[in-house]
Structures are given as C-alpha cells and as structure tokens.
C-alpha cells in the first residue's frame, strides 16, 4: 500500500469515528517553504473533534521522516504539541482513543487524543 492509499484509508477511518479531517495538500510543493500556508514538513492530517485535535504523520512500513518533517515535528514538541507518526490503522486508533498517554489538557489550548464515543 502506498502512503497516499494509507492516508485515504486513515482519513475515512477518522471520519467514521466522527473526526473532522484536514489534509495538508503539498502537491507540487517541492522544497519551497510554503504552499497555501502549509509549511514543508507539516503532518499529513490534522483531525479535530470537540476540544481535541491530533496531528498525524502517516508512513508505510519502510517510510521515513524527511529532514523538514523531523525539524518541524521537533518544533511542535518544543511547544507541547504531539505529532504522531503512524504506520497502521491500529496505531491511529490507539492515538484517537480516550486516555491516550500524550494527551494535553484543553485548558492549555491543546488536547491530543480523542472525543467521546470512540
């Protein structure tokens, strides 16, 4: 399965679980810094539900983060924002379920994890 096929499957999975999904479209971006406001290295999917959000970087079993992805993800972590690199639908489900260990309280403006009913 290609990363594009995996991303499509994960997008549909998130929608089935009641998440609003934003895909970072970087088609034709190459090495330029931004396209449509999305910086190179931004995770593949931003999923929103209630007062929670998750940033998901999707990779195949052999896929690796680019230098730009690793750098931007490190910047997010420094801000207290988790980016989850997932290689299977099971890993995505683990992230969106309530009680995920990397959840951040909404009171701090961030909450990574899932909403009710998952």
N, C-alpha and C. Protein backbone atom coordinates (compact mmCIF):
# COMPACT_ATOMS: atom_id res chain seq x y z
N UNK A 1 0.85 -1.17 0.00
CA UNK A 1 0.00 0.00 0.00
C UNK A 1 0.90 1.24 0.00
N UNK A 2 0.56 2.21 -0.83
CA UNK A 2 1.32 3.46 -0.87
C UNK A 2 0.91 4.37 0.29
N UNK A 3 1.73 5.40 0.56
CA UNK A 3 1.35 6.36 1.60
C UNK A 3 0.05 7.07 1.24
N UNK A 4 -0.15 7.37 -0.03
CA UNK A 4 -1.39 8.03 -0.46
C UNK A 4 -2.60 7.14 -0.19
N UNK A 5 -2.49 5.84 -0.46
CA UNK A 5 -3.59 4.92 -0.18
C UNK A 5 -3.83 4.80 1.33
N UNK A 6 -2.75 4.72 2.10
CA UNK A 6 -2.85 4.65 3.55
C UNK A 6 -3.52 5.91 4.10
N UNK A 7 -3.11 7.07 3.59
CA UNK A 7 -3.71 8.33 4.04
C UNK A 7 -5.20 8.36 3.74
N UNK A 8 -5.59 7.90 2.58
CA UNK A 8 -7.01 7.87 2.23
C UNK A 8 -7.79 6.97 3.18
N UNK A 9 -7.23 5.81 3.49
CA UNK A 9 -7.90 4.87 4.42
C UNK A 9 -8.02 5.47 5.82
N UNK A 10 -6.95 6.12 6.28
CA UNK A 10 -6.97 6.72 7.61
C UNK A 10 -7.95 7.88 7.65
N UNK A 11 -7.99 8.67 6.59
CA UNK A 11 -8.95 9.79 6.53
C UNK A 11 -10.37 9.25 6.69
N UNK A 12 -10.72 8.21 5.96
CA UNK A 12 -12.06 7.62 6.05
C UNK A 12 -12.32 7.03 7.44
N UNK A 13 -11.32 6.42 8.03
CA UNK A 13 -11.44 5.87 9.38
C UNK A 13 -11.76 6.98 10.38
N UNK A 14 -11.02 8.07 10.30
CA UNK A 14 -11.25 9.20 11.22
C UNK A 14 -12.66 9.77 11.04
N UNK A 15 -13.09 9.90 9.82
CA UNK A 15 -14.43 10.43 9.56
C UNK A 15 -15.49 9.49 10.14
N UNK A 16 -15.30 8.18 9.99
CA UNK A 16 -16.24 7.22 10.59
C UNK A 16 -16.32 7.37 12.10
N UNK A 17 -15.21 7.76 12.73
CA UNK A 17 -15.18 7.95 14.18
C UNK A 17 -15.59 9.36 14.60
N UNK A 18 -16.09 10.15 13.65
CA UNK A 18 -16.63 11.47 13.97
C UNK A 18 -15.65 12.61 14.01
N UNK A 19 -14.47 12.43 13.42
CA UNK A 19 -13.47 13.50 13.39
C UNK A 19 -13.62 14.32 12.12
N UNK A 20 -13.30 15.61 12.22
CA UNK A 20 -13.19 16.48 11.05
C UNK A 20 -11.73 16.43 10.63
N UNK A 21 -11.47 16.14 9.37
CA UNK A 21 -10.10 15.89 8.93
C UNK A 21 -9.67 16.94 7.90
N UNK A 22 -8.48 17.49 8.13
CA UNK A 22 -7.86 18.43 7.21
C UNK A 22 -6.59 17.77 6.69
N UNK A 23 -6.48 17.70 5.37
CA UNK A 23 -5.28 17.14 4.75
C UNK A 23 -4.36 18.28 4.35
N UNK A 24 -3.08 18.13 4.60
CA UNK A 24 -2.14 19.16 4.16
C UNK A 24 -1.73 18.83 2.73
N UNK A 25 -2.28 19.58 1.80
CA UNK A 25 -2.03 19.35 0.37
C UNK A 25 -0.75 20.08 -0.03
N UNK A 26 0.27 19.29 -0.32
CA UNK A 26 1.55 19.88 -0.72
C UNK A 26 1.94 19.41 -2.11
N UNK A 27 0.96 19.08 -2.92
CA UNK A 27 1.23 18.61 -4.27
C UNK A 27 2.03 19.66 -5.02
N UNK A 28 3.14 19.25 -5.58
CA UNK A 28 3.95 20.17 -6.37
C UNK A 28 4.75 21.15 -5.53
N UNK A 29 4.82 20.93 -4.22
CA UNK A 29 5.49 21.88 -3.34
C UNK A 29 7.00 21.83 -3.49
N UNK A 30 7.52 20.66 -3.71
CA UNK A 30 8.97 20.54 -3.82
C UNK A 30 9.65 20.97 -2.54
N UNK A 31 10.70 21.74 -2.66
CA UNK A 31 11.47 22.17 -1.49
C UNK A 31 11.11 23.60 -1.06
N UNK A 32 10.11 24.23 -1.66
CA UNK A 32 9.75 25.58 -1.23
C UNK A 32 9.18 25.52 0.18
N UNK A 33 9.17 26.62 0.89
CA UNK A 33 8.80 26.65 2.30
C UNK A 33 7.30 26.48 2.52
N UNK A 34 6.47 27.07 1.68
CA UNK A 34 5.04 27.04 1.95
C UNK A 34 4.23 26.95 0.66
N UNK A 35 3.04 26.39 0.78
CA UNK A 35 2.07 26.42 -0.30
C UNK A 35 0.71 26.46 0.37
N UNK A 36 -0.02 27.49 0.12
CA UNK A 36 -1.33 27.61 0.75
C UNK A 36 -1.23 27.71 2.26
N UNK A 37 -0.12 28.25 2.77
CA UNK A 37 0.03 28.44 4.20
C UNK A 37 0.55 27.24 4.96
N UNK A 38 0.82 26.12 4.28
CA UNK A 38 1.30 24.92 4.96
C UNK A 38 2.81 24.82 4.76
N UNK A 39 3.53 24.79 5.87
CA UNK A 39 4.99 24.71 5.83
C UNK A 39 5.43 23.29 5.47
N UNK A 40 6.52 23.20 4.74
CA UNK A 40 7.09 21.90 4.42
C UNK A 40 7.37 21.17 5.72
N UNK A 41 6.97 19.92 5.79
CA UNK A 41 7.16 19.12 6.99
C UNK A 41 5.92 19.01 7.86
N UNK A 42 4.87 19.80 7.53
CA UNK A 42 3.63 19.74 8.31
C UNK A 42 3.04 18.34 8.18
N UNK A 43 2.51 17.79 9.28
CA UNK A 43 1.96 16.44 9.23
C UNK A 43 0.88 16.26 8.16
N UNK A 44 0.67 15.03 7.75
CA UNK A 44 -0.27 14.71 6.68
C UNK A 44 -1.71 15.09 7.01
N UNK A 45 -2.12 14.80 8.26
CA UNK A 45 -3.52 15.03 8.64
C UNK A 45 -3.61 15.79 9.96
N UNK A 46 -4.56 16.70 10.01
CA UNK A 46 -4.98 17.36 11.25
C UNK A 46 -6.41 16.92 11.46
N UNK A 47 -6.67 16.25 12.58
CA UNK A 47 -8.02 15.76 12.87
C UNK A 47 -8.56 16.49 14.10
N UNK A 48 -9.79 16.97 14.00
CA UNK A 48 -10.42 17.76 15.06
C UNK A 48 -11.72 17.10 15.50
N UNK A 49 -11.92 17.11 16.81
CA UNK A 49 -13.18 16.58 17.35
C UNK A 49 -13.38 17.17 18.73
N UNK A 50 -14.47 17.92 18.91
CA UNK A 50 -14.72 18.56 20.20
C UNK A 50 -13.57 19.47 20.56
N UNK A 51 -13.04 19.30 21.77
CA UNK A 51 -11.93 20.13 22.22
C UNK A 51 -10.58 19.44 22.03
N UNK A 52 -10.51 18.50 21.10
CA UNK A 52 -9.28 17.74 20.89
C UNK A 52 -8.84 17.83 19.44
N UNK A 53 -7.54 17.65 19.26
CA UNK A 53 -7.01 17.53 17.92
C UNK A 53 -5.82 16.59 17.94
N UNK A 54 -5.54 16.01 16.79
CA UNK A 54 -4.35 15.19 16.61
C UNK A 54 -3.68 15.56 15.30
N UNK A 55 -2.36 15.56 15.33
CA UNK A 55 -1.56 15.72 14.13
C UNK A 55 -0.98 14.36 13.81
N UNK A 56 -1.24 13.89 12.60
CA UNK A 56 -0.81 12.55 12.21
C UNK A 56 0.11 12.60 11.00
N UNK A 57 1.28 12.01 11.16
CA UNK A 57 2.19 11.80 10.05
C UNK A 57 2.06 10.33 9.70
N UNK A 58 1.70 10.04 8.47
CA UNK A 58 1.44 8.66 8.06
C UNK A 58 2.58 8.15 7.19
N UNK A 59 3.08 6.98 7.55
CA UNK A 59 4.20 6.38 6.82
C UNK A 59 3.93 4.91 6.57
N UNK A 60 4.45 4.40 5.48
CA UNK A 60 4.41 2.97 5.23
C UNK A 60 5.47 2.32 6.13
N UNK A 61 5.52 1.01 6.12
CA UNK A 61 6.47 0.29 6.97
C UNK A 61 7.91 0.74 6.71
N UNK A 62 8.22 1.08 5.48
CA UNK A 62 9.59 1.47 5.14
C UNK A 62 9.78 2.98 5.03
N UNK A 63 8.69 3.74 5.19
CA UNK A 63 8.77 5.19 5.05
C UNK A 63 9.52 5.84 6.20
N UNK A 64 10.23 6.93 5.89
CA UNK A 64 10.99 7.66 6.91
C UNK A 64 10.65 9.14 6.84
N UNK A 65 10.80 9.82 7.97
CA UNK A 65 10.59 11.26 8.01
C UNK A 65 11.68 11.96 7.21
N UNK A 66 11.28 13.00 6.49
CA UNK A 66 12.27 13.84 5.81
C UNK A 66 12.93 14.74 6.86
N UNK A 67 14.01 15.39 6.47
CA UNK A 67 14.67 16.33 7.38
C UNK A 67 13.70 17.44 7.78
N UNK A 68 12.93 17.93 6.82
CA UNK A 68 11.97 19.00 7.10
C UNK A 68 10.90 18.55 8.08
N UNK A 69 10.40 17.32 7.89
CA UNK A 69 9.39 16.79 8.80
C UNK A 69 9.95 16.66 10.21
N UNK A 70 11.13 16.07 10.34
CA UNK A 70 11.73 15.88 11.66
C UNK A 70 11.95 17.21 12.36
N UNK A 71 12.40 18.22 11.62
CA UNK A 71 12.66 19.54 12.21
C UNK A 71 11.36 20.21 12.66
N UNK A 72 10.33 20.17 11.81
CA UNK A 72 9.07 20.82 12.19
C UNK A 72 8.39 20.06 13.32
N UNK A 73 8.45 18.76 13.32
CA UNK A 73 7.86 17.97 14.40
C UNK A 73 8.58 18.27 15.72
N UNK A 74 9.89 18.47 15.67
CA UNK A 74 10.63 18.84 16.88
C UNK A 74 10.19 20.22 17.38
N UNK A 75 9.94 21.14 16.47
CA UNK A 75 9.42 22.46 16.88
C UNK A 75 8.07 22.32 17.55
N UNK A 76 7.19 21.47 16.99
CA UNK A 76 5.89 21.24 17.62
C UNK A 76 6.06 20.67 19.03
N UNK A 77 6.93 19.67 19.18
CA UNK A 77 7.15 19.06 20.50
C UNK A 77 7.65 20.10 21.51
N UNK A 78 8.52 21.01 21.07
CA UNK A 78 9.03 22.06 21.95
C UNK A 78 7.89 22.98 22.43
N UNK A 79 6.82 23.05 21.65
CA UNK A 79 5.65 23.86 22.01
C UNK A 79 4.62 23.05 22.79
N UNK A 80 4.91 21.78 23.05
CA UNK A 80 3.98 20.93 23.77
C UNK A 80 2.92 20.29 22.90
N UNK A 81 3.17 20.26 21.59
CA UNK A 81 2.22 19.69 20.63
C UNK A 81 2.77 18.36 20.13
N UNK A 82 2.02 17.30 20.33
CA UNK A 82 2.46 15.98 19.87
C UNK A 82 2.13 15.79 18.40
N UNK A 83 3.06 15.19 17.69
CA UNK A 83 2.83 14.73 16.32
C UNK A 83 3.02 13.22 16.36
N UNK A 84 2.03 12.50 15.88
CA UNK A 84 2.04 11.05 15.95
C UNK A 84 2.39 10.48 14.58
N UNK A 85 3.48 9.74 14.51
CA UNK A 85 3.84 9.04 13.29
C UNK A 85 3.24 7.65 13.38
N UNK A 86 2.32 7.36 12.46
CA UNK A 86 1.58 6.10 12.49
C UNK A 86 1.85 5.31 11.21
N UNK A 87 1.99 4.00 11.38
CA UNK A 87 2.27 3.11 10.25
C UNK A 87 1.16 2.09 10.01
N UNK A 88 0.09 2.19 10.82
CA UNK A 88 -1.04 1.27 10.64
C UNK A 88 -2.32 1.94 11.16
N UNK A 89 -3.44 1.42 10.71
CA UNK A 89 -4.73 1.93 11.20
C UNK A 89 -4.85 1.67 12.70
N UNK A 90 -4.30 0.56 13.18
CA UNK A 90 -4.32 0.25 14.61
C UNK A 90 -3.60 1.32 15.42
N UNK A 91 -2.47 1.80 14.92
CA UNK A 91 -1.75 2.87 15.62
C UNK A 91 -2.57 4.15 15.65
N UNK A 92 -3.27 4.45 14.56
CA UNK A 92 -4.14 5.63 14.54
C UNK A 92 -5.25 5.48 15.57
N UNK A 93 -5.88 4.31 15.60
CA UNK A 93 -6.94 4.07 16.59
C UNK A 93 -6.43 4.24 18.01
N UNK A 94 -5.22 3.79 18.28
CA UNK A 94 -4.66 3.95 19.62
C UNK A 94 -4.50 5.42 19.99
N UNK A 95 -4.16 6.25 19.02
CA UNK A 95 -3.98 7.68 19.27
C UNK A 95 -5.32 8.38 19.53
N UNK A 96 -6.35 8.00 18.79
CA UNK A 96 -7.61 8.75 18.92
C UNK A 96 -8.49 8.27 20.06
N UNK A 97 -8.14 7.17 20.69
CA UNK A 97 -8.95 6.66 21.80
C UNK A 97 -8.75 7.52 23.04
N UNK A 98 -9.78 7.65 23.88
CA UNK A 98 -9.66 8.43 25.12
C UNK A 98 -8.53 7.88 26.00
N UNK A 99 -7.89 8.79 26.72
CA UNK A 99 -6.85 8.39 27.65
C UNK A 99 -5.50 8.16 27.02
N UNK A 100 -5.31 8.59 25.78
CA UNK A 100 -4.01 8.42 25.14
C UNK A 100 -2.95 9.08 26.00
N UNK A 101 -1.81 8.43 26.24
CA UNK A 101 -0.82 8.95 27.17
C UNK A 101 -0.22 10.31 26.80
N UNK A 102 -0.33 10.73 25.54
CA UNK A 102 0.24 12.02 25.16
C UNK A 102 -0.81 13.11 25.09
N UNK A 103 -1.94 12.90 25.73
CA UNK A 103 -2.98 13.92 25.74
C UNK A 103 -2.51 15.15 26.50
N UNK A 104 -2.87 16.32 25.99
CA UNK A 104 -2.54 17.58 26.62
C UNK A 104 -3.86 18.25 27.01
N UNK A 105 -3.98 18.77 28.23
CA UNK A 105 -5.24 19.39 28.67
C UNK A 105 -5.69 20.52 27.76
N UNK A 106 -6.99 20.56 27.50
CA UNK A 106 -7.57 21.61 26.66
C UNK A 106 -7.37 22.97 27.30
N UNK A 107 -7.27 23.03 28.63
CA UNK A 107 -7.06 24.30 29.32
C UNK A 107 -5.77 24.98 28.87
N UNK A 108 -4.82 24.21 28.39
CA UNK A 108 -3.58 24.76 27.88
C UNK A 108 -3.69 25.08 26.39
N UNK A 109 -4.89 24.92 25.83
CA UNK A 109 -5.10 25.21 24.42
C UNK A 109 -4.85 24.04 23.50
N UNK A 110 -4.45 22.91 24.08
CA UNK A 110 -4.14 21.75 23.27
C UNK A 110 -4.68 20.51 23.94
N UNK A 111 -5.19 19.61 23.15
CA UNK A 111 -5.55 18.30 23.68
C UNK A 111 -5.41 17.30 22.56
N UNK A 112 -4.49 16.43 22.69
CA UNK A 112 -4.25 15.41 21.67
C UNK A 112 -4.92 14.14 22.14
N UNK A 113 -5.69 13.52 21.29
CA UNK A 113 -6.35 12.28 21.67
C UNK A 113 -7.66 12.14 20.97
N UNK A 114 -8.72 11.84 21.73
CA UNK A 114 -9.99 11.51 21.11
C UNK A 114 -11.14 12.15 21.85
N UNK A 115 -12.30 12.06 21.23
CA UNK A 115 -13.53 12.55 21.85
C UNK A 115 -14.37 11.41 22.34
N UNK A 116 -15.52 11.71 22.90
CA UNK A 116 -16.38 10.67 23.45
C UNK A 116 -16.91 9.75 22.36
N UNK A 117 -17.19 8.54 22.75
CA UNK A 117 -17.80 7.58 21.82
C UNK A 117 -16.81 6.82 20.97
N UNK A 118 -15.54 6.87 21.32
CA UNK A 118 -14.57 6.16 20.48
C UNK A 118 -14.19 4.86 21.08
